[in-house]
């Protein structure tokens, strides 16, 4: 029996952190990160509040929100990528890369020259995603300086 992969019909939505679908996906992200980060989760969660995020991208399959990400101004020429998450059932299909490209496109449209981000070293899939999408490893920045589990990246747009 020949099985064909169905091409997923995805739509992209630009919104804000007040969007209910974004809030729901961030809850799932935080549950997953609490397991991965263990005792360090409290440190990281203080820097992952969404109340000051104004640029959110959601990916939908039909009406179902399956992935999210956001950008937040870090400096006059730099956006920080925040709250990247793809629902477990949709991983490994290129969705996170598509989402990341949309965030970069939006940052560029807004006049920013680069994106930077922090992720945990134990989040191997995330590290691989950023490397695959041409993010370069940089020294830890801001609140992540000296944090052993943090790994930081940037990409010139």
Protein backbone atom coordinates (compact mmCIF):
# COMPACT_ATOMS: atom_id res chain seq x y z
CA UNK A 1 0.00 0.00 0.00
CA UNK A 2 1.38 3.38 -1.02
CA UNK A 3 0.95 6.13 1.55
CA UNK A 4 1.36 9.74 0.51
CA UNK A 5 2.10 12.63 2.80
CA UNK A 6 -0.64 15.21 2.69
CA UNK A 7 0.47 18.75 2.09
CA UNK A 8 -0.56 20.72 5.11
CA UNK A 9 -2.70 23.77 4.45
CA UNK A 10 -1.23 26.34 6.80
CA UNK A 11 -2.18 29.93 7.35
CA UNK A 12 -0.21 32.62 9.12
CA UNK A 13 -1.65 35.25 11.41
CA UNK A 14 0.12 38.29 12.81
CA UNK A 15 -1.36 39.41 16.10
CA UNK A 16 -0.47 40.46 19.65
CA UNK A 17 0.10 38.64 22.93
CA UNK A 18 -3.54 39.14 23.89
CA UNK A 19 -4.61 36.57 21.30
CA UNK A 20 -6.25 33.58 23.04
CA UNK A 21 -4.61 31.02 20.75
CA UNK A 22 -1.18 32.47 21.56
CA UNK A 23 -1.93 32.37 25.29
CA UNK A 24 -3.03 28.73 25.02
CA UNK A 25 0.11 27.69 23.11
CA UNK A 26 2.35 29.56 25.58
CA UNK A 27 0.73 27.56 28.41
CA UNK A 28 1.76 24.34 26.65
CA UNK A 29 5.25 25.76 26.08
CA UNK A 30 5.62 26.65 29.76
CA UNK A 31 4.56 23.14 30.84
CA UNK A 32 7.18 21.62 28.55
CA UNK A 33 9.89 24.05 29.65
CA UNK A 34 9.16 23.40 33.34
CA UNK A 35 9.95 19.73 32.73
CA UNK A 36 13.11 20.47 30.73
CA UNK A 37 14.44 23.26 32.97
CA UNK A 38 13.58 21.67 36.30
CA UNK A 39 14.71 23.86 39.20
CA UNK A 40 15.96 26.57 36.83
CA UNK A 41 12.48 27.16 35.40
CA UNK A 42 11.72 29.98 37.84
CA UNK A 43 14.75 31.93 36.67
CA UNK A 44 13.77 31.66 33.01
CA UNK A 45 10.05 32.25 33.46
CA UNK A 46 10.61 35.74 34.90
CA UNK A 47 11.97 36.75 31.47
CA UNK A 48 9.22 35.10 29.46
CA UNK A 49 6.21 37.20 30.40
CA UNK A 50 4.04 38.04 27.40
CA UNK A 51 2.37 41.25 28.58
CA UNK A 52 4.85 43.52 26.75
CA UNK A 53 4.92 41.56 23.49
CA UNK A 54 3.24 43.32 20.58
CA UNK A 55 4.35 41.19 17.63
CA UNK A 56 3.11 37.59 17.60
CA UNK A 57 2.89 35.13 14.73
CA UNK A 58 0.58 32.13 14.83
CA UNK A 59 0.47 29.26 12.37
CA UNK A 60 -2.81 27.47 11.85
CA UNK A 61 -3.78 24.23 10.21
CA UNK A 62 -7.33 24.99 9.23
CA UNK A 63 -8.72 26.59 12.42
CA UNK A 64 -6.27 24.94 14.82
CA UNK A 65 -3.38 27.02 16.16
CA UNK A 66 -0.36 24.72 15.95
CA UNK A 67 2.66 27.00 16.43
CA UNK A 68 3.58 30.41 17.78
CA UNK A 69 6.46 32.79 18.13
CA UNK A 70 7.01 36.44 18.91
CA UNK A 71 9.47 39.26 18.52
CA UNK A 72 10.13 41.97 21.06
CA UNK A 73 12.36 45.00 20.71
CA UNK A 74 15.71 44.46 22.39
CA UNK A 75 17.60 47.47 21.00
CA UNK A 76 16.96 50.14 18.38
CA UNK A 77 18.14 47.84 15.59
CA UNK A 78 17.44 44.44 17.21
CA UNK A 79 14.41 42.26 17.86
CA UNK A 80 14.54 39.37 20.32
CA UNK A 81 12.78 36.16 19.29
CA UNK A 82 10.54 34.94 22.12
CA UNK A 83 8.04 32.18 22.93
CA UNK A 84 8.70 29.84 20.01
CA UNK A 85 6.56 26.73 20.24
CA UNK A 86 5.23 24.06 17.90
CA UNK A 87 2.58 21.63 19.11
CA UNK A 88 4.17 18.21 19.62
CA UNK A 89 2.06 16.51 16.93
CA UNK A 90 3.36 18.95 14.28
CA UNK A 91 7.09 18.84 14.96
CA UNK A 92 9.58 17.70 12.35
CA UNK A 93 7.56 19.13 9.45
CA UNK A 94 9.35 22.44 8.92
CA UNK A 95 6.71 24.46 10.72
CA UNK A 96 9.08 26.11 13.21
CA UNK A 97 11.38 27.22 10.37
CA UNK A 98 8.42 28.70 8.52
CA UNK A 99 7.35 30.51 11.67
CA UNK A 100 10.86 31.82 12.30
CA UNK A 101 11.13 33.13 8.73
CA UNK A 102 7.85 35.03 9.18
CA UNK A 103 9.13 36.59 12.41
CA UNK A 104 12.34 37.64 10.65
CA UNK A 105 10.36 39.07 7.73
CA UNK A 106 8.20 41.11 10.11
CA UNK A 107 11.24 42.39 12.02
CA UNK A 108 12.84 43.47 8.75
CA UNK A 109 9.61 45.20 7.63
CA UNK A 110 9.68 47.12 10.93
CA UNK A 111 13.21 48.32 10.15
CA UNK A 112 15.24 46.07 12.45
CA UNK A 113 18.64 44.82 11.31
CA UNK A 114 19.02 41.65 13.38
CA UNK A 115 17.28 39.12 15.59
CA UNK A 116 18.76 37.55 18.67
CA UNK A 117 17.51 34.92 21.05
CA UNK A 118 18.28 32.70 24.00
CA UNK A 119 17.41 29.05 24.39
CA UNK A 120 18.44 26.31 26.76
CA UNK A 121 21.30 23.94 25.94
CA UNK A 122 19.03 21.02 26.92
CA UNK A 123 16.54 22.10 24.23
CA UNK A 124 18.46 20.29 21.51
CA UNK A 125 15.70 20.60 18.90
CA UNK A 126 15.59 24.36 19.39
CA UNK A 127 19.37 24.68 19.12
CA UNK A 128 19.28 22.65 15.89
CA UNK A 129 16.43 24.79 14.53
CA UNK A 130 18.32 28.04 15.01
CA UNK A 131 21.55 26.66 13.58
CA UNK A 132 19.66 25.29 10.57
CA UNK A 133 18.18 28.75 10.00
CA UNK A 134 21.58 30.50 9.93
CA UNK A 135 21.63 31.84 13.47
CA UNK A 136 25.15 32.30 14.75
CA UNK A 137 26.18 31.44 18.30
CA UNK A 138 27.05 34.57 20.31
CA UNK A 139 28.14 35.27 23.87
CA UNK A 140 25.28 35.23 26.33
CA UNK A 141 23.64 38.64 26.53
CA UNK A 142 21.71 40.60 29.16
CA UNK A 143 20.26 38.50 31.96
CA UNK A 144 21.76 35.32 30.44
CA UNK A 145 25.41 36.31 31.01
CA UNK A 146 26.97 33.65 33.23
CA UNK A 147 23.99 31.27 32.98
CA UNK A 148 25.44 27.85 32.20
CA UNK A 149 22.32 26.35 30.59
CA UNK A 150 21.72 29.32 28.26
CA UNK A 151 22.93 29.49 24.68
CA UNK A 152 22.40 32.65 22.65
CA UNK A 153 22.21 33.24 18.91
CA UNK A 154 21.80 36.10 16.48
CA UNK A 155 21.04 36.54 12.81
CA UNK A 156 21.71 39.60 10.69
CA UNK A 157 18.63 40.28 8.61
